[in-house]
């Protein structure tokens, strides 16, 4: 495994993380604690230390799975990132909660679910600019940093071209940007990444496998079940993406390299990207993801010496 410094923070993170939206049950499968334990054990064995979750992946369900795991492990071995702003209200349904007192209650609920005294990275979760630009919200969050409940603040931008929130990061004390970035969606390269480089912000690339389309498992015409979030994607858009994937596999992926491994390593080439946070459904997928670290360059600007 290779590691990078997460922007201006002091945190050392693995270039491959574990995304855990799937633990909340919205990707067509309901996990058990033993299955989550096996996934996170394999991640630890592979040298992965970054776990990304959210308050609304289930009703703190993903966080609870992770918390139960962490309670039986060395907490300091992991960098735990979670988010705030949404209240789970059933499959694919959310209420938005952005007032400072609402966010403080979410924070305490997340700490309880994660069974930890502190969160390494607490992220504004895909909210509108009106919700983001609240000085009293960031003042409250800064107080939580000072109290030790939060180590660092970040912003998970909903639009991969939200320059307003990215450019305001340093002013509000946000040190990390999480953004959708993958071979099929390169929009952040235009405006978001240059701003991140200018401010020395860490970057977590979410959906690096384009919701699994870049895993190489699916072909044009594939249909997803109603319990899978991808069922909500427009059929024509899904078909177009899978046709693009077929072209990429033929012309860009080196022979003998798994497409998923190549796709993760491709994201890590950009000088702004610190780490990728793909989801995974079993330990074997964790190891496949981790293999991408071998292809990551050691001369990256954030490389941990």
Protein backbone atom coordinates (compact mmCIF):
# COMPACT_ATOMS: atom_id res chain seq x y z
CA UNK A 1 0.00 0.00 0.00
CA UNK A 2 1.06 3.56 -0.64
CA UNK A 3 0.10 6.53 1.51
CA UNK A 4 -0.38 10.24 0.95
CA UNK A 5 -0.75 13.29 3.16
CA UNK A 6 -4.36 14.46 3.05
CA UNK A 7 -3.80 18.02 1.87
CA UNK A 8 -2.94 20.47 4.64
CA UNK A 9 -4.05 18.05 7.36
CA UNK A 10 -1.52 15.97 9.26
CA UNK A 11 -3.31 12.74 8.35
CA UNK A 12 -1.60 9.89 6.53
CA UNK A 13 -4.15 8.05 4.38
CA UNK A 14 -3.91 5.05 2.12
CA UNK A 15 -4.32 5.86 -1.57
CA UNK A 16 -7.13 3.30 -1.60
CA UNK A 17 -9.95 3.71 0.90
CA UNK A 18 -13.17 1.84 1.61
CA UNK A 19 -16.45 3.48 0.63
CA UNK A 20 -19.33 2.14 2.69
CA UNK A 21 -22.61 3.38 1.22
CA UNK A 22 -23.35 -0.27 0.39
CA UNK A 23 -23.44 -1.17 4.10
CA UNK A 24 -26.64 0.90 4.38
CA UNK A 25 -28.55 -1.54 2.16
CA UNK A 26 -29.17 0.60 -0.94
CA UNK A 27 -26.99 -1.35 -3.35
CA UNK A 28 -29.16 -4.45 -3.55
CA UNK A 29 -27.80 -6.35 -0.54
CA UNK A 30 -28.28 -6.29 3.25
CA UNK A 31 -24.98 -6.85 5.06
CA UNK A 32 -24.40 -8.65 8.34
CA UNK A 33 -21.86 -7.59 10.94
CA UNK A 34 -19.68 -10.61 10.18
CA UNK A 35 -19.59 -9.68 6.48
CA UNK A 36 -18.61 -6.10 7.30
CA UNK A 37 -15.94 -7.38 9.71
CA UNK A 38 -14.48 -9.58 6.97
CA UNK A 39 -14.33 -6.65 4.53
CA UNK A 40 -12.69 -4.30 7.02
CA UNK A 41 -10.29 -7.00 8.23
CA UNK A 42 -9.15 -7.54 4.65
CA UNK A 43 -8.77 -3.79 4.19
CA UNK A 44 -6.56 -3.63 7.28
CA UNK A 45 -4.50 -6.58 6.03
CA UNK A 46 -4.01 -4.78 2.70
CA UNK A 47 -2.79 -1.64 4.48
CA UNK A 48 -5.96 0.39 3.85
CA UNK A 49 -6.62 2.79 6.72
CA UNK A 50 -9.27 5.14 5.27
CA UNK A 51 -12.96 4.36 5.83
CA UNK A 52 -15.58 6.72 4.41
CA UNK A 53 -19.20 6.59 5.57
CA UNK A 54 -22.16 8.90 6.21
CA UNK A 55 -25.00 9.50 8.61
CA UNK A 56 -27.59 8.58 5.96
CA UNK A 57 -26.17 5.30 4.69
CA UNK A 58 -29.12 3.66 6.36
CA UNK A 59 -30.19 5.39 9.57
CA UNK A 60 -26.59 5.51 10.86
CA UNK A 61 -26.55 1.80 9.88
CA UNK A 62 -23.24 1.88 8.00
CA UNK A 63 -21.70 3.86 10.86
CA UNK A 64 -22.99 1.30 13.39
CA UNK A 65 -21.45 -1.60 11.48
CA UNK A 66 -18.15 0.28 11.39
CA UNK A 67 -18.43 1.27 15.05
CA UNK A 68 -19.00 -2.30 16.15
CA UNK A 69 -15.90 -3.26 14.21
CA UNK A 70 -13.76 -0.43 15.56
CA UNK A 71 -14.78 -1.21 19.14
CA UNK A 72 -12.88 -4.50 18.82
CA UNK A 73 -9.85 -3.05 17.04
CA UNK A 74 -7.22 -0.35 17.58
CA UNK A 75 -9.07 2.86 16.73
CA UNK A 76 -5.84 4.68 15.86
CA UNK A 77 -5.19 2.26 13.00
CA UNK A 78 -8.00 3.89 11.00
CA UNK A 79 -8.88 7.29 9.56
CA UNK A 80 -12.67 7.51 9.81
CA UNK A 81 -14.53 9.99 7.61
CA UNK A 82 -18.26 10.58 7.89
CA UNK A 83 -20.72 13.27 6.82
CA UNK A 84 -23.63 15.42 7.95
CA UNK A 85 -26.69 17.14 6.54
CA UNK A 86 -29.07 14.32 5.62
CA UNK A 87 -31.51 12.27 7.68
CA UNK A 88 -32.32 8.80 6.36
CA UNK A 89 -36.07 8.44 5.74
CA UNK A 90 -36.29 5.11 3.94
CA UNK A 91 -34.63 3.62 0.88
CA UNK A 92 -33.38 6.43 -1.37
CA UNK A 93 -35.26 9.01 0.72
CA UNK A 94 -33.59 11.79 2.76
CA UNK A 95 -34.53 14.82 4.84
CA UNK A 96 -32.00 17.65 4.85
CA UNK A 97 -30.84 19.05 8.19
CA UNK A 98 -28.43 21.99 8.04
CA UNK A 99 -29.12 24.17 11.07
CA UNK A 100 -26.24 24.20 13.57
CA UNK A 101 -28.26 22.55 16.35
CA UNK A 102 -29.46 19.86 13.92
CA UNK A 103 -25.91 19.16 12.76
CA UNK A 104 -24.65 19.00 16.34
CA UNK A 105 -27.26 16.32 17.10
CA UNK A 106 -26.15 14.44 13.98
CA UNK A 107 -22.54 14.65 15.12
CA UNK A 108 -23.35 13.18 18.52
CA UNK A 109 -25.42 10.43 16.89
CA UNK A 110 -22.54 9.60 14.56
CA UNK A 111 -20.05 9.48 17.44
CA UNK A 112 -22.38 7.10 19.27
CA UNK A 113 -22.91 4.88 16.23
CA UNK A 114 -19.19 4.80 15.44
CA UNK A 115 -18.39 4.07 19.10
CA UNK A 116 -15.59 6.62 19.05
CA UNK A 117 -14.68 9.79 20.87
CA UNK A 118 -13.62 11.63 17.71
CA UNK A 119 -14.20 11.69 13.96
CA UNK A 120 -11.10 12.17 11.83
CA UNK A 121 -12.88 13.92 8.95
CA UNK A 122 -16.38 15.40 9.26
CA UNK A 123 -17.78 16.43 5.88
CA UNK A 124 -20.55 18.74 4.71
CA UNK A 125 -22.61 16.29 2.67
CA UNK A 126 -23.70 17.41 -0.80
CA UNK A 127 -25.73 20.43 0.27
CA UNK A 128 -26.82 23.51 -1.64
CA UNK A 129 -24.83 26.73 -1.44
CA UNK A 130 -27.51 28.24 0.80
CA UNK A 131 -26.83 25.53 3.38
CA UNK A 132 -23.06 25.80 2.98
CA UNK A 133 -22.75 29.55 3.44
CA UNK A 134 -23.87 29.70 7.07
CA UNK A 135 -21.24 31.30 9.27
CA UNK A 136 -22.96 30.03 12.43
CA UNK A 137 -22.75 26.46 11.12
CA UNK A 138 -18.99 26.62 10.58
CA UNK A 139 -18.50 28.47 13.87
CA UNK A 140 -20.27 25.62 15.66
CA UNK A 141 -18.21 23.02 13.81
CA UNK A 142 -14.98 24.84 14.65
CA UNK A 143 -15.95 24.64 18.31
CA UNK A 144 -16.32 20.88 17.92
CA UNK A 145 -12.84 20.74 16.42
CA UNK A 146 -11.51 22.69 19.39
CA UNK A 147 -13.29 20.30 21.79
CA UNK A 148 -11.70 17.25 20.14
CA UNK A 149 -14.87 15.67 18.74
CA UNK A 150 -13.66 16.39 15.20
CA UNK A 151 -10.07 16.37 13.94
CA UNK A 152 -10.64 17.95 10.53
CA UNK A 153 -13.50 19.34 8.45
CA UNK A 154 -14.21 18.61 4.81
CA UNK A 155 -16.76 19.17 2.08
CA UNK A 156 -18.33 16.48 -0.06
CA UNK A 157 -19.56 18.57 -2.97
CA UNK A 158 -22.77 17.39 -4.61
CA UNK A 159 -21.95 18.81 -8.03
CA UNK A 160 -18.54 17.86 -9.36
CA UNK A 161 -18.20 21.43 -10.63
CA UNK A 162 -19.15 23.31 -7.43
CA UNK A 163 -16.42 25.92 -7.49
CA UNK A 164 -18.19 28.17 -4.97
CA UNK A 165 -17.90 25.69 -2.10
CA UNK A 166 -14.43 24.58 -3.18
CA UNK A 167 -13.04 28.12 -3.36
CA UNK A 168 -14.53 28.96 0.07
CA UNK A 169 -12.97 25.95 1.78
CA UNK A 170 -10.05 27.71 3.41
CA UNK A 171 -12.28 30.52 4.66
CA UNK A 172 -14.66 28.16 6.51
CA UNK A 173 -11.96 25.77 7.73
CA UNK A 174 -12.70 22.89 5.36
CA UNK A 175 -9.46 21.11 4.46
CA UNK A 176 -10.67 18.31 2.19
CA UNK A 177 -12.88 18.08 -0.90
CA UNK A 178 -14.71 14.89 -1.75
CA UNK A 179 -15.94 14.78 -5.35
CA UNK A 180 -17.16 12.39 -8.02
CA UNK A 181 -14.23 11.67 -10.32
CA UNK A 182 -13.55 8.78 -12.67
CA UNK A 183 -12.57 7.99 -16.23
CA UNK A 184 -16.15 8.61 -17.38
CA UNK A 185 -16.54 11.88 -15.48
CA UNK A 186 -13.55 14.23 -15.63
CA UNK A 187 -15.36 17.50 -14.93
CA UNK A 188 -13.40 18.28 -11.68
CA UNK A 189 -10.21 18.65 -13.73
CA UNK A 190 -11.53 21.91 -15.20
CA UNK A 191 -12.14 24.09 -12.10
CA UNK A 192 -12.39 22.13 -8.85
CA UNK A 193 -8.97 20.45 -8.94
CA UNK A 194 -7.03 23.64 -9.78
CA UNK A 195 -8.66 25.31 -6.77
CA UNK A 196 -7.79 22.33 -4.57
CA UNK A 197 -4.16 22.50 -5.66
CA UNK A 198 -4.04 26.23 -5.04
CA UNK A 199 -5.39 25.82 -1.48
CA UNK A 200 -3.52 22.57 -0.72
CA UNK A 201 -6.76 20.72 -0.06
CA UNK A 202 -6.87 16.96 0.18
CA UNK A 203 -9.08 15.29 -2.44
CA UNK A 204 -11.08 12.10 -2.00
CA UNK A 205 -12.37 10.78 -5.32
CA UNK A 206 -15.70 9.08 -4.78
CA UNK A 207 -17.46 6.85 -7.31
CA UNK A 208 -14.05 6.12 -8.91
CA UNK A 209 -15.52 3.06 -10.63
CA UNK A 210 -18.49 5.09 -11.95
CA UNK A 211 -21.04 3.24 -9.81
CA UNK A 212 -19.46 -0.06 -10.82
CA UNK A 213 -19.66 0.55 -14.57
CA UNK A 214 -15.85 0.66 -14.71
CA UNK A 215 -15.54 -2.60 -12.80
CA UNK A 216 -15.70 -4.47 -16.10
CA UNK A 217 -18.52 -6.70 -14.86
CA UNK A 218 -21.35 -5.17 -16.87
CA UNK A 219 -22.13 -5.10 -20.57
CA UNK A 220 -24.50 -2.87 -22.60
CA UNK A 221 -28.06 -4.04 -21.93
CA UNK A 222 -27.43 -4.98 -18.30
CA UNK A 223 -30.51 -4.40 -16.07
CA UNK A 224 -30.23 -3.66 -12.33
CA UNK A 225 -32.86 -4.78 -9.75
CA UNK A 226 -35.17 -2.26 -8.08
CA UNK A 227 -33.26 -2.60 -4.79
CA UNK A 228 -30.09 -1.34 -6.49
CA UNK A 229 -29.57 2.44 -6.65
CA UNK A 230 -28.40 2.03 -10.26
CA UNK A 231 -31.95 0.99 -11.17
CA UNK A 232 -32.79 4.71 -10.90
CA UNK A 233 -30.28 5.68 -13.59
CA UNK A 234 -31.74 6.56 -16.99
CA UNK A 235 -31.56 3.44 -19.25
CA UNK A 236 -30.16 5.42 -22.18
CA UNK A 237 -27.45 6.93 -19.96
CA UNK A 238 -26.57 3.49 -18.58
CA UNK A 239 -26.33 2.08 -22.11
CA UNK A 240 -24.11 4.98 -23.23
CA UNK A 241 -21.76 4.58 -20.28
CA UNK A 242 -21.41 0.83 -20.77
CA UNK A 243 -20.61 1.37 -24.44
CA UNK A 244 -17.91 3.86 -23.42
CA UNK A 245 -16.55 1.31 -20.95
CA UNK A 246 -16.28 -1.28 -23.71
CA UNK A 247 -14.24 1.18 -25.79
CA UNK A 248 -11.99 2.06 -22.85
CA UNK A 249 -11.38 -1.60 -22.06
CA UNK A 250 -10.32 -2.23 -25.65
CA UNK A 251 -8.06 0.77 -26.13
CA UNK A 252 -6.77 1.92 -22.72
CA UNK A 253 -6.59 -0.94 -20.23
CA UNK A 254 -3.26 -2.80 -20.41
CA UNK A 255 -3.40 -6.51 -21.07
CA UNK A 256 -3.37 -8.54 -17.88
CA UNK A 257 -4.63 -5.67 -15.68
CA UNK A 258 -8.12 -5.92 -14.20
CA UNK A 259 -10.28 -3.05 -15.41
CA UNK A 260 -11.30 -2.04 -11.87
CA UNK A 261 -7.67 -1.93 -10.78
CA UNK A 262 -6.74 0.18 -13.81
CA UNK A 263 -9.67 2.58 -13.25
CA UNK A 264 -8.68 3.29 -9.64
CA UNK A 265 -5.03 3.81 -10.57
CA UNK A 266 -6.12 6.17 -13.36
CA UNK A 267 -7.78 8.47 -10.78
CA UNK A 268 -4.66 8.46 -8.62
CA UNK A 269 -2.56 9.86 -11.47
CA UNK A 270 -3.99 13.36 -11.08
CA UNK A 271 -1.78 15.56 -8.85
CA UNK A 272 -4.82 16.82 -6.89
CA UNK A 273 -6.18 13.40 -5.94
CA UNK A 274 -5.10 12.02 -2.58
CA UNK A 275 -7.14 8.84 -2.37
CA UNK A 276 -9.98 6.95 -4.04
CA UNK A 277 -12.85 5.49 -2.03
CA UNK A 278 -14.46 2.66 -3.98
CA UNK A 279 -17.21 0.54 -2.49
CA UNK A 280 -16.84 -3.21 -2.14
CA UNK A 281 -19.16 -6.10 -1.40
CA UNK A 282 -16.68 -8.74 -0.25
CA UNK A 283 -13.03 -9.18 0.81
CA UNK A 284 -12.01 -10.25 -2.68
CA UNK A 285 -13.10 -6.90 -4.10
CA UNK A 286 -11.11 -5.15 -1.37
CA UNK A 287 -7.95 -6.90 -2.51
CA UNK A 288 -8.70 -6.13 -6.15
CA UNK A 289 -9.07 -2.46 -5.24
CA UNK A 290 -5.92 -2.48 -3.12
CA UNK A 291 -3.90 -3.80 -6.06
CA UNK A 292 -4.30 -0.39 -7.72
CA UNK A 293 -1.86 1.05 -5.18
CA UNK A 294 0.94 -0.85 -6.89
CA UNK A 295 0.30 1.22 -10.03
CA UNK A 296 0.19 4.56 -8.16
CA UNK A 297 3.26 6.73 -8.67
CA UNK A 298 5.54 7.51 -5.73
CA UNK A 299 6.40 10.97 -7.07
CA UNK A 300 2.89 12.29 -6.45
CA UNK A 301 2.92 15.74 -4.74
CA UNK A 302 1.19 14.32 -1.65
CA UNK A 303 3.22 11.11 -1.40
CA UNK A 304 3.99 10.22 2.22
CA UNK A 305 7.74 9.82 2.55
